[in-house]
N, C-alpha and C. Protein backbone atom coordinates (compact mmCIF):
# COMPACT_ATOMS: atom_id res chain seq x y z
N MET A 1 118.22 96.22 52.88
CA MET A 1 118.45 97.25 53.72
C MET A 1 116.52 97.35 53.88
N ARG A 2 115.85 97.62 52.58
CA ARG A 2 114.55 98.10 52.00
C ARG A 2 113.72 97.36 53.08
N GLU A 3 114.18 96.26 52.74
CA GLU A 3 113.18 94.74 53.60
C GLU A 3 113.64 95.02 55.21
N ASP A 4 114.50 95.00 55.38
CA ASP A 4 114.52 95.57 56.90
C ASP A 4 113.77 96.59 57.45
N VAL A 5 113.70 97.13 57.13
CA VAL A 5 113.09 98.84 57.14
C VAL A 5 111.69 98.55 57.49
N ALA A 6 111.04 97.74 56.27
CA ALA A 6 109.90 97.44 56.32
C ALA A 6 109.24 96.09 57.05
N ALA A 7 109.85 95.75 57.39
CA ALA A 7 109.72 94.75 58.85
C ALA A 7 110.00 95.17 59.91
N LYS A 8 110.40 96.26 59.94
CA LYS A 8 110.60 97.02 61.39
C LYS A 8 109.41 98.01 61.89
N ALA A 9 108.76 98.81 60.29
CA ALA A 9 107.30 99.45 60.43
C ALA A 9 106.56 98.29 60.38
N ILE A 10 106.72 97.49 60.06
CA ILE A 10 105.01 96.53 60.45
C ILE A 10 104.79 96.02 61.47
N GLU A 11 106.14 95.57 62.19
CA GLU A 11 106.76 95.45 63.85
C GLU A 11 106.02 96.35 64.58
N MET A 12 106.66 97.30 64.53
CA MET A 12 105.88 98.54 65.37
C MET A 12 104.68 99.10 65.39
N ARG A 13 103.71 98.97 63.90
CA ARG A 13 102.65 99.10 63.65
C ARG A 13 101.60 97.74 64.54
N ARG A 14 102.22 96.86 64.65
CA ARG A 14 101.43 95.44 65.51
C ARG A 14 101.64 95.81 67.13
N GLN A 15 102.57 96.60 67.55
CA GLN A 15 102.65 97.09 69.09
C GLN A 15 101.83 97.94 69.69
N GLY A 16 100.75 98.55 68.66
CA GLY A 16 99.97 99.65 68.84
C GLY A 16 100.09 101.00 68.46
N PHE A 17 100.18 102.28 69.11
CA PHE A 17 99.84 103.25 69.16
C PHE A 17 101.60 103.79 69.63
N PHE A 18 102.17 104.37 68.72
CA PHE A 18 103.24 105.11 68.80
C PHE A 18 103.56 106.81 68.56
N GLY A 19 104.77 107.10 69.23
CA GLY A 19 104.65 108.45 68.80
C GLY A 19 104.07 109.07 69.55
N ALA A 20 103.44 110.55 69.43
CA ALA A 20 102.50 111.01 69.47
C ALA A 20 101.61 110.91 70.49
N ALA A 21 100.70 109.68 70.02
CA ALA A 21 99.76 109.17 70.87
C ALA A 21 99.95 108.38 72.24
N ILE A 22 101.62 108.15 72.76
CA ILE A 22 101.68 107.89 73.78
C ILE A 22 102.47 109.08 74.79
N LEU A 23 102.95 110.41 74.04
CA LEU A 23 103.59 111.45 74.80
C LEU A 23 102.77 111.98 76.02
N PRO A 24 102.90 112.19 77.03
CA PRO A 24 102.83 112.94 78.09
C PRO A 24 102.54 114.18 77.63
N MET A 25 101.40 114.72 77.71
CA MET A 25 100.95 116.25 77.76
C MET A 25 102.05 117.34 77.48
N ALA A 26 102.89 117.27 78.80
CA ALA A 26 104.31 118.36 78.62
C ALA A 26 105.23 117.91 77.36
N GLU A 27 105.06 117.16 76.82
CA GLU A 27 106.16 116.42 75.46
C GLU A 27 105.19 116.76 74.52
N LEU A 28 103.73 117.07 74.47
CA LEU A 28 102.77 117.31 72.90
C LEU A 28 102.64 118.88 72.69
N GLU A 29 103.28 119.90 73.41
CA GLU A 29 103.38 120.84 73.39
C GLU A 29 104.25 121.38 72.28
N TYR A 30 105.40 120.28 71.69
CA TYR A 30 106.06 120.31 70.59
C TYR A 30 105.36 120.38 69.34
N THR A 31 104.24 119.31 69.84
CA THR A 31 103.85 119.16 68.31
C THR A 31 102.57 119.88 67.72
N GLY A 32 102.60 120.95 68.42
CA GLY A 32 101.49 121.60 68.02
C GLY A 32 99.67 121.24 68.05
N ILE A 33 100.00 120.35 68.90
CA ILE A 33 98.43 119.22 69.73
C ILE A 33 98.01 120.51 70.72
N THR A 34 99.05 121.03 71.06
CA THR A 34 97.99 122.16 72.49
C THR A 34 97.42 123.03 72.15
N GLU A 35 97.94 123.93 71.24
CA GLU A 35 97.31 124.83 70.25
C GLU A 35 95.97 124.72 69.89
N LYS A 36 96.07 123.40 68.95
CA LYS A 36 94.48 122.94 68.62
C LYS A 36 93.64 122.48 69.28
N LEU A 37 94.01 122.04 70.67
CA LEU A 37 93.29 121.44 71.39
C LEU A 37 92.52 122.82 72.33
N ALA A 38 93.46 123.73 72.52
CA ALA A 38 93.10 124.75 73.17
C ALA A 38 91.68 125.58 72.58
N ALA A 39 92.32 125.50 71.15
CA ALA A 39 91.17 126.44 70.19
C ALA A 39 89.80 125.42 70.02
N LEU A 40 89.95 124.13 70.43
CA LEU A 40 88.40 123.62 70.68
C LEU A 40 88.11 123.29 71.83
N ASP A 41 88.73 123.94 72.97
CA ASP A 41 88.04 123.87 73.94
C ASP A 41 86.51 124.46 74.51
N GLY A 42 86.55 125.61 73.61
CA GLY A 42 85.88 126.44 73.52
C GLY A 42 83.90 125.70 72.95
N ARG A 43 84.23 125.15 72.20
CA ARG A 43 83.49 124.24 71.23
C ARG A 43 82.53 123.05 72.13
N PHE A 44 83.44 122.79 73.28
CA PHE A 44 82.94 121.18 74.27
C PHE A 44 82.45 121.66 75.56
N ARG A 45 81.88 120.79 75.92
CA ARG A 45 81.91 121.33 77.69
C ARG A 45 81.30 119.84 78.12
N LEU A 46 82.22 119.92 79.29
CA LEU A 46 81.82 118.80 80.13
C LEU A 46 80.33 118.62 80.65
N ARG A 47 80.01 117.35 80.48
CA ARG A 47 78.48 117.13 80.90
C ARG A 47 77.99 117.40 82.02
N HIS A 48 79.01 116.21 82.93
CA HIS A 48 78.92 116.84 84.48
C HIS A 48 78.86 118.06 85.24
N ALA A 49 79.62 118.83 84.74
CA ALA A 49 79.69 120.21 84.83
C ALA A 49 78.35 121.15 84.28
N VAL A 50 77.59 120.76 83.22
CA VAL A 50 76.50 121.19 82.73
C VAL A 50 75.31 120.75 83.62
N GLU A 51 75.16 119.64 83.82
CA GLU A 51 73.96 119.32 84.68
C GLU A 51 74.43 119.34 86.20
N ALA A 52 75.51 119.88 87.10
CA ALA A 52 75.71 120.41 88.17
C ALA A 52 75.37 121.44 88.11
N ARG A 53 75.67 122.65 87.08
CA ARG A 53 74.67 123.85 87.07
C ARG A 53 73.51 124.17 87.07
N GLU A 54 72.78 123.55 86.18
CA GLU A 54 71.57 123.15 85.72
C GLU A 54 70.83 122.58 87.20
N HIS A 55 71.11 121.77 87.84
CA HIS A 55 70.85 121.18 89.23
C HIS A 55 70.96 122.62 90.14
N GLU A 56 71.85 123.25 90.10
CA GLU A 56 72.17 124.31 90.83
C GLU A 56 70.90 125.16 90.60
N LEU A 57 70.81 125.81 89.39
CA LEU A 57 70.23 126.36 88.59
C LEU A 57 68.41 126.25 89.58
N VAL A 58 67.82 124.94 89.19
CA VAL A 58 66.59 124.76 89.47
C VAL A 58 66.56 124.50 91.45
N HIS A 59 67.64 124.00 91.90
CA HIS A 59 67.53 123.31 93.02
C HIS A 59 68.17 124.76 94.02
N GLY A 60 69.04 125.44 93.56
CA GLY A 60 69.26 126.49 94.17
C GLY A 60 70.44 126.17 94.86
């Protein structure tokens, strides 16, 4: 039995990401990740948004 479980775990790892890594954002809310992402939002900004704002300030 233990060997079967170990073999299955190895096979799942070979297939790539699984679990929370492949869930849509609507389902991720149950893992607590949405709160973590919301807390990080203020620490990062999108480059294209910053560049567009800078362009607007320079060129009016």
